[in-house]
């Protein structure tokens, strides 16, 4: 079950620091939901040592000034390394050259979700794809057939494309384009892997996200096609419980502290391997997004420890999870960044060791 090239000793598995390229840390603009300190603590407790924050804040990250403000707010307060994705808008195009060396992706919202960013006019999309000259990918929130439009433009202008929170109906197209040689990658979320439409009644507003939960059959298609999917990204999107139970509820769920125990439980069930976990949560995201190397950085996980997932024990500001009561495996015992232990046996040690990162050349 556990591959021989993964370091193990007495059920303690040594992993590289994990990477999440799709998180919403809510600062600035909505720090009642999350902030840089609480979000990066949640990341460390979940085994993540690098995060990329999304731009749909209020105000959105669509200018050099907004990007610099995020960096200033995060400095000295982050427990893991943190980078930023830039937001696409008709007005942000003029800043692409200025920011391209400081961001890891350009995020285009082609369908409605949380926040003010959405691109609906074809002429704006065309200009955005044509104007982006960075080596890092264009990331698209493209639900259903909207993806076809993104693929057409990415091919026309020869740009790397990364499909966020992939759904089962998109896999055939992505596989075809990969086989044709297109620069296209995709991610899957843990909530689409571990929840489905049958959970919506039980979860009520806590099961509402974009894209919505899939049918059980489509959920299984994700598992059956992990070879087509490049990364697992949490789309960590915390809201207060009041916002989730409102009518209508806010879109999104937290995920940084629950993904690893869910995946290790899946490993115990032989649904994937530890090697594939490392590939999708470390190797591939670092390659796709040109993330800097983290020397002497590792995570120790006790594979033998099993438990029920409990939102009240989490470090994220909002103490709820759609995975409440589900079986988890593999407690994070220790996290070290650049040789400095920052988390051990449930306690944070020393001072925040995270730094602001930029893409490698």
Foldseek 3Di string as FASTA:
>chain_A
DADPVFDDDQLKTKAFQFEFAAEAQQPPACCLFHHQQLVLVLQVQLRHQEYEHEFQHVVGQLAPVSLVVNQVRNPQRHQHAYAYEHEQDLVSLVCQVVCQQRHLEYEAECDDAPHDGHDPDPVSVLSNLQSHDHLHAHEYLAPDPSVVSVVVSCVVNVGAYEYEQDWLNCLVVLVVCVVVPHNYAYEHAVCQQPDAPVLCVVCPLLQAAVVHGHHPVRSVSCLVVVVSHQAYHHNADGDAVCQSNDVVHHHHFGDSNAVQQVVLVVVVVVSDYPVSNSRHGPVRVCVNRQWDDFPPWIWIWNQVDKDFDFQCLGSRSHSDGSRGRPITGIRTAWTDTNNRTQDGPHDGDDGRPYHHTTGDD
